[in-house]
Amino acid sequence: MQPKTPSESRTTMTDMVLPGETNPLNNLFGGELLARMDRAASIAARRHSRKITVTASVNHVAFNQSVPLGTVLTVEAAVSRAFRTSMEVYIDVWMEDRYNGERSKANEAIFTFVAVDETGRPTQVPPLNPETTLEKERFEAALRRKQLSLVLAGKMKPDQATELKALFYPPSS
């Protein structure tokens, strides 16, 4: 399989926060934001794999800023690492200031998707070739996140998590 770049999966969804999507404080419901992030990440995973994709896990979500009613919200998603059948998708959420148009990062998340065939069985995905500094940082960190997840789930022994161990026990020179 030919490697792909994160830019080939990049998905951008822009929408406005409407009254029916807000809580009593007139801020976007967290669940509504999660749904938007899941849709954008799903499209990114499908663009990378060209397969049916399913959400395997929500690895991380940071609700750093509330998103007020009327805000123009942009959700950007791109595959940050591809494994055998799974893909980590990194999501950045941006708010646009109503008065000056400046964008600020409001939230972020990391989801994992699995590519499946028509019968629902996992299927192989292309490798990822990161290009920018940020893409390379996210690519490298994805392996540590995966190893941590596997160790916590009891699917990998801690001494096998070489990338994680390197954080705590750097090689001697």
N, C-alpha and C. Protein backbone atom coordinates (compact mmCIF):
# COMPACT_ATOMS: atom_id res chain seq x y z
N MET A 1 0.83 -1.19 0.00
CA MET A 1 0.00 0.00 0.00
C MET A 1 0.87 1.24 0.00
N GLN A 2 0.46 2.21 -0.79
CA GLN A 2 1.18 3.47 -0.86
C GLN A 2 0.92 4.31 0.38
N PRO A 3 1.97 4.85 1.01
CA PRO A 3 1.75 5.74 2.16
C PRO A 3 0.98 6.99 1.73
N LYS A 4 0.25 7.56 2.68
CA LYS A 4 -0.47 8.80 2.45
C LYS A 4 0.00 9.83 3.46
N THR A 5 -0.29 11.07 3.19
CA THR A 5 0.09 12.15 4.10
C THR A 5 -1.13 12.59 4.90
N PRO A 6 -0.92 13.21 6.05
CA PRO A 6 -2.05 13.73 6.81
C PRO A 6 -2.90 14.73 6.01
N SER A 7 -2.27 15.50 5.13
CA SER A 7 -3.04 16.48 4.36
C SER A 7 -4.05 15.81 3.43
N GLU A 8 -3.80 14.56 3.04
CA GLU A 8 -4.75 13.85 2.18
C GLU A 8 -6.02 13.46 2.94
N SER A 9 -5.94 13.42 4.25
CA SER A 9 -7.12 13.08 5.06
C SER A 9 -7.77 14.30 5.70
N ARG A 10 -7.10 15.45 5.62
CA ARG A 10 -7.57 16.64 6.34
C ARG A 10 -9.02 16.94 5.99
N THR A 11 -9.81 17.15 7.03
CA THR A 11 -11.22 17.46 6.90
C THR A 11 -11.52 18.70 7.72
N THR A 12 -12.20 19.65 7.12
CA THR A 12 -12.57 20.88 7.80
C THR A 12 -14.07 21.06 7.70
N MET A 13 -14.72 21.20 8.87
CA MET A 13 -16.16 21.43 8.92
C MET A 13 -16.40 22.73 9.68
N THR A 14 -17.11 23.65 9.06
CA THR A 14 -17.41 24.93 9.69
C THR A 14 -18.92 25.09 9.79
N ASP A 15 -19.36 25.54 10.96
CA ASP A 15 -20.79 25.70 11.21
C ASP A 15 -20.96 26.74 12.31
N MET A 16 -22.20 27.18 12.49
CA MET A 16 -22.53 28.15 13.52
C MET A 16 -23.26 27.45 14.66
N VAL A 17 -23.02 27.88 15.88
CA VAL A 17 -23.70 27.34 17.05
C VAL A 17 -25.09 27.97 17.13
N LEU A 18 -26.12 27.12 17.08
CA LEU A 18 -27.51 27.57 17.06
C LEU A 18 -28.18 27.37 18.42
N PRO A 19 -29.30 28.05 18.68
CA PRO A 19 -29.95 27.97 20.00
C PRO A 19 -30.31 26.56 20.45
N GLY A 20 -30.76 25.69 19.56
CA GLY A 20 -31.14 24.34 19.94
C GLY A 20 -29.96 23.44 20.31
N GLU A 21 -28.74 23.94 20.15
CA GLU A 21 -27.53 23.15 20.44
C GLU A 21 -26.84 23.62 21.72
N THR A 22 -27.50 24.50 22.47
CA THR A 22 -26.84 25.11 23.63
C THR A 22 -27.50 24.70 24.94
N ASN A 23 -26.72 24.83 26.00
CA ASN A 23 -27.19 24.54 27.35
C ASN A 23 -27.82 25.81 27.97
N PRO A 24 -28.26 25.75 29.23
CA PRO A 24 -28.88 26.93 29.85
C PRO A 24 -27.96 28.16 29.96
N LEU A 25 -26.65 27.95 29.81
CA LEU A 25 -25.72 29.09 29.84
C LEU A 25 -25.46 29.64 28.43
N ASN A 26 -26.21 29.13 27.44
CA ASN A 26 -26.06 29.52 26.04
C ASN A 26 -24.69 29.18 25.46
N ASN A 27 -24.15 28.05 25.93
CA ASN A 27 -22.91 27.50 25.37
C ASN A 27 -23.22 26.16 24.71
N LEU A 28 -22.45 25.82 23.70
CA LEU A 28 -22.62 24.57 22.97
C LEU A 28 -22.56 23.37 23.93
N PHE A 29 -23.54 22.46 23.81
CA PHE A 29 -23.50 21.22 24.57
C PHE A 29 -22.23 20.46 24.23
N GLY A 30 -21.59 19.85 25.24
CA GLY A 30 -20.40 19.03 25.00
C GLY A 30 -20.69 17.87 24.07
N GLY A 31 -21.84 17.26 24.22
CA GLY A 31 -22.21 16.13 23.36
C GLY A 31 -22.37 16.54 21.91
N GLU A 32 -22.86 17.75 21.69
CA GLU A 32 -22.98 18.26 20.31
C GLU A 32 -21.60 18.46 19.71
N LEU A 33 -20.67 18.97 20.51
CA LEU A 33 -19.30 19.14 20.02
C LEU A 33 -18.67 17.78 19.73
N LEU A 34 -18.90 16.80 20.62
CA LEU A 34 -18.36 15.46 20.38
C LEU A 34 -18.89 14.88 19.08
N ALA A 35 -20.17 15.08 18.80
CA ALA A 35 -20.75 14.57 17.55
C ALA A 35 -20.10 15.22 16.34
N ARG A 36 -19.86 16.52 16.41
CA ARG A 36 -19.21 17.22 15.29
C ARG A 36 -17.79 16.70 15.10
N MET A 37 -17.08 16.50 16.21
CA MET A 37 -15.71 15.99 16.12
C MET A 37 -15.71 14.58 15.54
N ASP A 38 -16.66 13.74 15.97
CA ASP A 38 -16.74 12.36 15.48
C ASP A 38 -17.00 12.33 13.98
N ARG A 39 -17.88 13.20 13.49
CA ARG A 39 -18.16 13.23 12.05
C ARG A 39 -16.93 13.65 11.25
N ALA A 40 -16.25 14.70 11.70
CA ALA A 40 -15.06 15.17 10.98
C ALA A 40 -13.96 14.10 11.01
N ALA A 41 -13.76 13.48 12.17
CA ALA A 41 -12.73 12.46 12.30
C ALA A 41 -13.06 11.23 11.46
N SER A 42 -14.33 10.88 11.39
CA SER A 42 -14.75 9.75 10.57
C SER A 42 -14.45 9.98 9.09
N ILE A 43 -14.71 11.19 8.64
CA ILE A 43 -14.42 11.53 7.24
C ILE A 43 -12.91 11.47 6.99
N ALA A 44 -12.12 12.00 7.93
CA ALA A 44 -10.66 11.96 7.78
C ALA A 44 -10.16 10.51 7.71
N ALA A 45 -10.68 9.66 8.58
CA ALA A 45 -10.26 8.25 8.58
C ALA A 45 -10.67 7.56 7.27
N ARG A 46 -11.84 7.87 6.79
CA ARG A 46 -12.29 7.27 5.53
C ARG A 46 -11.45 7.77 4.35
N ARG A 47 -11.09 9.06 4.37
CA ARG A 47 -10.25 9.59 3.29
C ARG A 47 -8.89 8.90 3.28
N HIS A 48 -8.37 8.62 4.46
CA HIS A 48 -7.06 7.96 4.53
C HIS A 48 -7.15 6.50 4.06
N SER A 49 -8.15 5.79 4.57
CA SER A 49 -8.22 4.35 4.31
C SER A 49 -9.00 3.98 3.06
N ARG A 50 -9.92 4.84 2.65
CA ARG A 50 -10.85 4.54 1.54
C ARG A 50 -11.64 3.27 1.86
N LYS A 51 -11.96 3.11 3.14
CA LYS A 51 -12.74 1.97 3.64
C LYS A 51 -13.84 2.51 4.54
N ILE A 52 -14.76 1.63 4.92
CA ILE A 52 -15.72 1.97 5.96
C ILE A 52 -14.92 2.11 7.25
N THR A 53 -15.22 3.12 8.06
CA THR A 53 -14.50 3.28 9.32
C THR A 53 -15.49 3.38 10.47
N VAL A 54 -15.07 2.86 11.60
CA VAL A 54 -15.89 2.92 12.80
C VAL A 54 -15.06 3.50 13.94
N THR A 55 -15.73 4.24 14.81
CA THR A 55 -15.06 4.82 15.97
C THR A 55 -14.73 3.70 16.94
N ALA A 56 -13.46 3.53 17.25
CA ALA A 56 -13.03 2.50 18.19
C ALA A 56 -12.92 3.06 19.60
N SER A 57 -12.44 4.30 19.70
CA SER A 57 -12.32 4.91 21.02
C SER A 57 -12.17 6.42 20.91
N VAL A 58 -12.56 7.07 21.97
CA VAL A 58 -12.28 8.49 22.15
C VAL A 58 -11.17 8.53 23.18
N ASN A 59 -9.96 8.79 22.71
CA ASN A 59 -8.78 8.67 23.57
C ASN A 59 -8.58 9.88 24.47
N HIS A 60 -8.96 11.03 23.96
CA HIS A 60 -8.72 12.25 24.71
C HIS A 60 -9.68 13.33 24.20
N VAL A 61 -10.26 14.07 25.13
CA VAL A 61 -11.06 15.24 24.77
C VAL A 61 -10.73 16.33 25.78
N ALA A 62 -10.46 17.52 25.29
CA ALA A 62 -10.22 18.66 26.17
C ALA A 62 -11.23 19.74 25.84
N PHE A 63 -12.13 19.99 26.78
CA PHE A 63 -13.08 21.10 26.64
C PHE A 63 -12.43 22.31 27.31
N ASN A 64 -11.53 22.96 26.60
CA ASN A 64 -10.75 24.05 27.18
C ASN A 64 -11.53 25.36 27.29
N GLN A 65 -12.40 25.61 26.33
CA GLN A 65 -13.17 26.85 26.33
C GLN A 65 -14.61 26.53 25.99
N SER A 66 -15.52 27.25 26.64
CA SER A 66 -16.92 27.10 26.25
C SER A 66 -17.12 27.81 24.92
N VAL A 67 -18.10 27.32 24.16
CA VAL A 67 -18.36 27.86 22.83
C VAL A 67 -19.74 28.51 22.86
N PRO A 68 -19.79 29.85 22.85
CA PRO A 68 -21.06 30.55 23.00
C PRO A 68 -21.98 30.47 21.78
N LEU A 69 -23.24 30.64 22.04
CA LEU A 69 -24.26 30.72 21.01
C LEU A 69 -23.85 31.73 19.94
N GLY A 70 -24.04 31.37 18.68
CA GLY A 70 -23.72 32.27 17.57
C GLY A 70 -22.29 32.19 17.08
N THR A 71 -21.44 31.43 17.78
CA THR A 71 -20.04 31.31 17.39
C THR A 71 -19.91 30.53 16.09
N VAL A 72 -19.01 31.00 15.23
CA VAL A 72 -18.63 30.21 14.06
C VAL A 72 -17.54 29.26 14.54
N LEU A 73 -17.81 27.97 14.39
CA LEU A 73 -16.94 26.93 14.92
C LEU A 73 -16.38 26.10 13.77
N THR A 74 -15.07 25.87 13.78
CA THR A 74 -14.42 25.06 12.76
C THR A 74 -13.77 23.86 13.42
N VAL A 75 -14.11 22.68 12.91
CA VAL A 75 -13.52 21.43 13.39
C VAL A 75 -12.59 20.93 12.30
N GLU A 76 -11.31 20.75 12.64
CA GLU A 76 -10.32 20.26 11.69
C GLU A 76 -9.81 18.91 12.18
N ALA A 77 -9.85 17.92 11.32
CA ALA A 77 -9.40 16.57 11.68
C ALA A 77 -8.45 16.05 10.61
N ALA A 78 -7.45 15.29 11.05
CA ALA A 78 -6.52 14.64 10.12
C ALA A 78 -5.95 13.40 10.81
N VAL A 79 -5.67 12.38 10.02
CA VAL A 79 -5.05 11.18 10.57
C VAL A 79 -3.65 11.56 11.05
N SER A 80 -3.34 11.19 12.30
CA SER A 80 -2.02 11.50 12.87
C SER A 80 -1.09 10.30 12.86
N ARG A 81 -1.68 9.09 12.78
CA ARG A 81 -0.87 7.87 12.66
C ARG A 81 -1.76 6.74 12.19
N ALA A 82 -1.21 5.89 11.35
CA ALA A 82 -1.93 4.70 10.89
C ALA A 82 -1.16 3.49 11.40
N PHE A 83 -1.91 2.54 11.94
CA PHE A 83 -1.34 1.29 12.38
C PHE A 83 -1.78 0.22 11.37
N ARG A 84 -1.94 -1.01 11.76
CA ARG A 84 -2.30 -2.04 10.79
C ARG A 84 -3.72 -1.84 10.27
N THR A 85 -4.69 -1.78 11.17
CA THR A 85 -6.09 -1.59 10.75
C THR A 85 -6.71 -0.36 11.40
N SER A 86 -5.99 0.26 12.30
CA SER A 86 -6.54 1.43 13.01
C SER A 86 -5.80 2.71 12.64
N MET A 87 -6.47 3.81 12.91
CA MET A 87 -5.91 5.13 12.64
C MET A 87 -6.21 6.04 13.81
N GLU A 88 -5.21 6.77 14.26
CA GLU A 88 -5.44 7.81 15.24
C GLU A 88 -5.75 9.08 14.47
N VAL A 89 -6.80 9.79 14.89
CA VAL A 89 -7.20 11.04 14.24
C VAL A 89 -7.13 12.14 15.29
N TYR A 90 -6.39 13.19 14.97
CA TYR A 90 -6.24 14.34 15.86
C TYR A 90 -7.21 15.42 15.40
N ILE A 91 -7.94 16.00 16.32
CA ILE A 91 -8.96 16.98 16.00
C ILE A 91 -8.67 18.28 16.74
N ASP A 92 -8.66 19.38 16.00
CA ASP A 92 -8.53 20.72 16.56
C ASP A 92 -9.83 21.46 16.33
N VAL A 93 -10.31 22.17 17.35
CA VAL A 93 -11.55 22.93 17.25
C VAL A 93 -11.22 24.40 17.43
N TRP A 94 -11.67 25.20 16.47
CA TRP A 94 -11.37 26.63 16.45
C TRP A 94 -12.64 27.46 16.54
N MET A 95 -12.57 28.55 17.29
CA MET A 95 -13.68 29.51 17.37
C MET A 95 -13.26 30.78 16.64
N GLU A 96 -14.23 31.40 15.99
CA GLU A 96 -13.97 32.65 15.29
C GLU A 96 -14.63 33.77 16.08
N ASP A 97 -13.85 34.78 16.43
CA ASP A 97 -14.39 35.92 17.16
C ASP A 97 -15.41 36.64 16.29
N ARG A 98 -16.56 36.90 16.87
CA ARG A 98 -17.66 37.52 16.10
C ARG A 98 -17.34 38.93 15.62
N TYR A 99 -16.48 39.61 16.33
CA TYR A 99 -16.25 41.02 16.03
C TYR A 99 -15.03 41.28 15.17
N ASN A 100 -13.94 40.54 15.42
CA ASN A 100 -12.74 40.82 14.63
C ASN A 100 -12.33 39.67 13.70
N GLY A 101 -13.03 38.54 13.78
CA GLY A 101 -12.75 37.42 12.89
C GLY A 101 -11.55 36.58 13.26
N GLU A 102 -10.86 36.93 14.34
CA GLU A 102 -9.68 36.15 14.74
C GLU A 102 -10.09 34.77 15.23
N ARG A 103 -9.27 33.77 14.87
CA ARG A 103 -9.52 32.40 15.31
C ARG A 103 -8.70 32.08 16.54
N SER A 104 -9.31 31.32 17.46
CA SER A 104 -8.57 30.84 18.62
C SER A 104 -8.93 29.37 18.83
N LYS A 105 -7.96 28.62 19.32
CA LYS A 105 -8.21 27.20 19.55
C LYS A 105 -9.06 27.05 20.80
N ALA A 106 -10.18 26.35 20.65
CA ALA A 106 -11.10 26.19 21.76
C ALA A 106 -10.96 24.82 22.42
N ASN A 107 -10.81 23.79 21.61
CA ASN A 107 -10.81 22.42 22.12
C ASN A 107 -9.97 21.54 21.21
N GLU A 108 -9.70 20.33 21.69
CA GLU A 108 -9.00 19.34 20.88
C GLU A 108 -9.40 17.95 21.34
N ALA A 109 -9.17 16.99 20.48
CA ALA A 109 -9.51 15.61 20.82
C ALA A 109 -8.66 14.65 19.99
N ILE A 110 -8.60 13.41 20.45
CA ILE A 110 -7.93 12.35 19.71
C ILE A 110 -8.87 11.15 19.72
N PHE A 111 -9.23 10.68 18.54
CA PHE A 111 -10.10 9.53 18.38
C PHE A 111 -9.32 8.43 17.66
N THR A 112 -9.74 7.19 17.87
CA THR A 112 -9.18 6.08 17.11
C THR A 112 -10.30 5.44 16.29
N PHE A 113 -10.02 5.20 15.02
CA PHE A 113 -10.95 4.56 14.11
C PHE A 113 -10.33 3.27 13.59
N VAL A 114 -11.19 2.33 13.26
CA VAL A 114 -10.76 1.08 12.64
C VAL A 114 -11.43 0.99 11.28
N ALA A 115 -10.65 0.60 10.28
CA ALA A 115 -11.20 0.37 8.94
C ALA A 115 -11.75 -1.04 8.90
N VAL A 116 -12.93 -1.19 8.32
CA VAL A 116 -13.55 -2.51 8.24
C VAL A 116 -14.03 -2.78 6.81
N ASP A 117 -14.17 -4.06 6.50
CA ASP A 117 -14.72 -4.43 5.19
C ASP A 117 -16.25 -4.48 5.30
N GLU A 118 -16.90 -4.93 4.24
CA GLU A 118 -18.36 -4.94 4.19
C GLU A 118 -18.98 -5.88 5.21
N THR A 119 -18.20 -6.81 5.75
CA THR A 119 -18.72 -7.73 6.76
C THR A 119 -18.40 -7.27 8.18
N GLY A 120 -17.73 -6.12 8.29
CA GLY A 120 -17.38 -5.58 9.60
C GLY A 120 -16.06 -6.07 10.16
N ARG A 121 -15.30 -6.79 9.35
CA ARG A 121 -13.99 -7.28 9.81
C ARG A 121 -12.92 -6.23 9.57
N PRO A 122 -12.02 -6.04 10.54
CA PRO A 122 -10.94 -5.06 10.36
C PRO A 122 -10.12 -5.37 9.10
N THR A 123 -9.72 -4.30 8.42
CA THR A 123 -8.95 -4.45 7.19
C THR A 123 -7.78 -3.47 7.21
N GLN A 124 -6.73 -3.83 6.53
CA GLN A 124 -5.49 -3.06 6.55
C GLN A 124 -5.67 -1.67 5.96
N VAL A 125 -4.91 -0.71 6.53
CA VAL A 125 -4.93 0.67 6.04
C VAL A 125 -3.54 1.06 5.57
N PRO A 126 -3.45 2.08 4.70
CA PRO A 126 -2.13 2.53 4.24
C PRO A 126 -1.33 3.17 5.38
N PRO A 127 -0.01 3.09 5.30
CA PRO A 127 0.82 3.79 6.29
C PRO A 127 0.70 5.30 6.11
N LEU A 128 1.15 6.03 7.11
CA LEU A 128 1.08 7.50 7.08
C LEU A 128 2.49 8.05 7.00
N ASN A 129 2.67 9.04 6.16
CA ASN A 129 3.96 9.71 6.00
C ASN A 129 3.80 11.18 6.40
N PRO A 130 4.10 11.51 7.67
CA PRO A 130 3.95 12.90 8.11
C PRO A 130 4.96 13.81 7.42
N GLU A 131 4.56 15.06 7.20
CA GLU A 131 5.44 15.99 6.48
C GLU A 131 5.89 17.17 7.35
N THR A 132 4.96 17.83 8.01
CA THR A 132 5.31 19.03 8.78
C THR A 132 5.85 18.65 10.15
N THR A 133 6.42 19.62 10.84
CA THR A 133 6.93 19.38 12.20
C THR A 133 5.80 18.94 13.12
N LEU A 134 4.66 19.61 13.07
CA LEU A 134 3.53 19.24 13.92
C LEU A 134 3.04 17.83 13.59
N GLU A 135 2.93 17.51 12.32
CA GLU A 135 2.50 16.16 11.92
C GLU A 135 3.47 15.11 12.44
N LYS A 136 4.77 15.39 12.39
CA LYS A 136 5.77 14.44 12.87
C LYS A 136 5.68 14.27 14.39
N GLU A 137 5.44 15.37 15.12
CA GLU A 137 5.30 15.29 16.57
C GLU A 137 4.08 14.45 16.95
N ARG A 138 2.95 14.70 16.27
CA ARG A 138 1.74 13.94 16.56
C ARG A 138 1.91 12.46 16.18
N PHE A 139 2.61 12.20 15.10
CA PHE A 139 2.88 10.84 14.64
C PHE A 139 3.67 10.07 15.70
N GLU A 140 4.75 10.67 16.19
CA GLU A 140 5.60 10.02 17.20
C GLU A 140 4.83 9.80 18.50
N ALA A 141 4.09 10.79 18.94
CA ALA A 141 3.34 10.68 20.20
C ALA A 141 2.23 9.64 20.11
N ALA A 142 1.70 9.41 18.92
CA ALA A 142 0.62 8.44 18.75
C ALA A 142 1.04 7.03 19.16
N LEU A 143 2.27 6.67 18.88
CA LEU A 143 2.73 5.34 19.25
C LEU A 143 2.81 5.21 20.78
N ARG A 144 3.26 6.25 21.45
CA ARG A 144 3.30 6.22 22.92
C ARG A 144 1.88 6.12 23.49
N ARG A 145 0.96 6.89 22.91
CA ARG A 145 -0.43 6.83 23.37
C ARG A 145 -1.01 5.42 23.17
N LYS A 146 -0.71 4.80 22.03
CA LYS A 146 -1.23 3.46 21.77
C LYS A 146 -0.63 2.46 22.75
N GLN A 147 0.67 2.56 22.99
CA GLN A 147 1.30 1.64 23.94
C GLN A 147 0.71 1.82 25.34
N LEU A 148 0.50 3.04 25.77
CA LEU A 148 -0.09 3.29 27.08
C LEU A 148 -1.49 2.66 27.16
N SER A 149 -2.27 2.85 26.13
CA SER A 149 -3.61 2.28 26.09
C SER A 149 -3.57 0.76 26.17
N LEU A 150 -2.66 0.14 25.44
CA LEU A 150 -2.53 -1.32 25.46
C LEU A 150 -2.06 -1.83 26.82
N VAL A 151 -1.14 -1.11 27.45
CA VAL A 151 -0.66 -1.51 28.78
C VAL A 151 -1.81 -1.41 29.79
N LEU A 152 -2.54 -0.31 29.76
CA LEU A 152 -3.65 -0.12 30.70
C LEU A 152 -4.75 -1.15 30.50
N ALA A 153 -4.94 -1.59 29.26
CA ALA A 153 -5.97 -2.59 28.96
C ALA A 153 -5.47 -4.01 29.22
N GLY A 154 -4.21 -4.16 29.62
CA GLY A 154 -3.66 -5.48 29.87
C GLY A 154 -3.33 -6.26 28.61
N LYS A 155 -3.24 -5.58 27.47
CA LYS A 155 -2.95 -6.24 26.20
C LYS A 155 -1.48 -6.16 25.82
N MET A 156 -0.70 -5.45 26.63
CA MET A 156 0.74 -5.34 26.41
C MET A 156 1.40 -5.27 27.77
N LYS A 157 2.51 -5.97 27.91
CA LYS A 157 3.26 -5.91 29.16
C LYS A 157 4.05 -4.59 29.18
N PRO A 158 4.14 -3.96 30.34
CA PRO A 158 4.84 -2.67 30.42
C PRO A 158 6.26 -2.71 29.86
N ASP A 159 6.98 -3.82 30.07
CA ASP A 159 8.35 -3.88 29.57
C ASP A 159 8.43 -3.99 28.04
N GLN A 160 7.28 -4.24 27.37
CA GLN A 160 7.25 -4.29 25.91
C GLN A 160 6.96 -2.91 25.30
N ALA A 161 6.55 -1.97 26.13
CA ALA A 161 6.20 -0.63 25.64
C ALA A 161 7.47 0.21 25.50
N THR A 162 8.24 -0.10 24.48
CA THR A 162 9.57 0.51 24.32
C THR A 162 9.52 2.03 24.18
N GLU A 163 8.54 2.56 23.48
CA GLU A 163 8.45 4.02 23.30
C GLU A 163 8.12 4.70 24.62
N LEU A 164 7.26 4.09 25.41
CA LEU A 164 6.93 4.64 26.73
C LEU A 164 8.13 4.57 27.66
N LYS A 165 8.80 3.43 27.68
CA LYS A 165 9.96 3.25 28.55
C LYS A 165 11.02 4.30 28.23
N ALA A 166 11.18 4.65 26.96
CA ALA A 166 12.20 5.61 26.56
C ALA A 166 11.94 7.00 27.16
N LEU A 167 10.69 7.29 27.49
CA LEU A 167 10.37 8.57 28.13
C LEU A 167 10.94 8.63 29.54
N PHE A 168 10.92 7.49 30.22
CA PHE A 168 11.33 7.44 31.62
C PHE A 168 12.76 6.96 31.82
N TYR A 169 13.23 6.15 30.87
CA TYR A 169 14.59 5.59 30.97
C TYR A 169 15.31 5.83 29.64
N PRO A 170 15.75 7.06 29.41
CA PRO A 170 16.45 7.32 28.15
C PRO A 170 17.71 6.47 28.03
N PRO A 171 18.04 6.09 26.80
CA PRO A 171 19.24 5.26 26.61
C PRO A 171 20.50 5.96 27.12
N SER A 172 21.38 5.19 27.75
CA SER A 172 22.64 5.76 28.23
C SER A 172 23.59 5.96 27.06
N SER A 173 24.40 7.01 27.19
CA SER A 173 25.37 7.23 26.10
C SER A 173 26.70 6.66 26.42
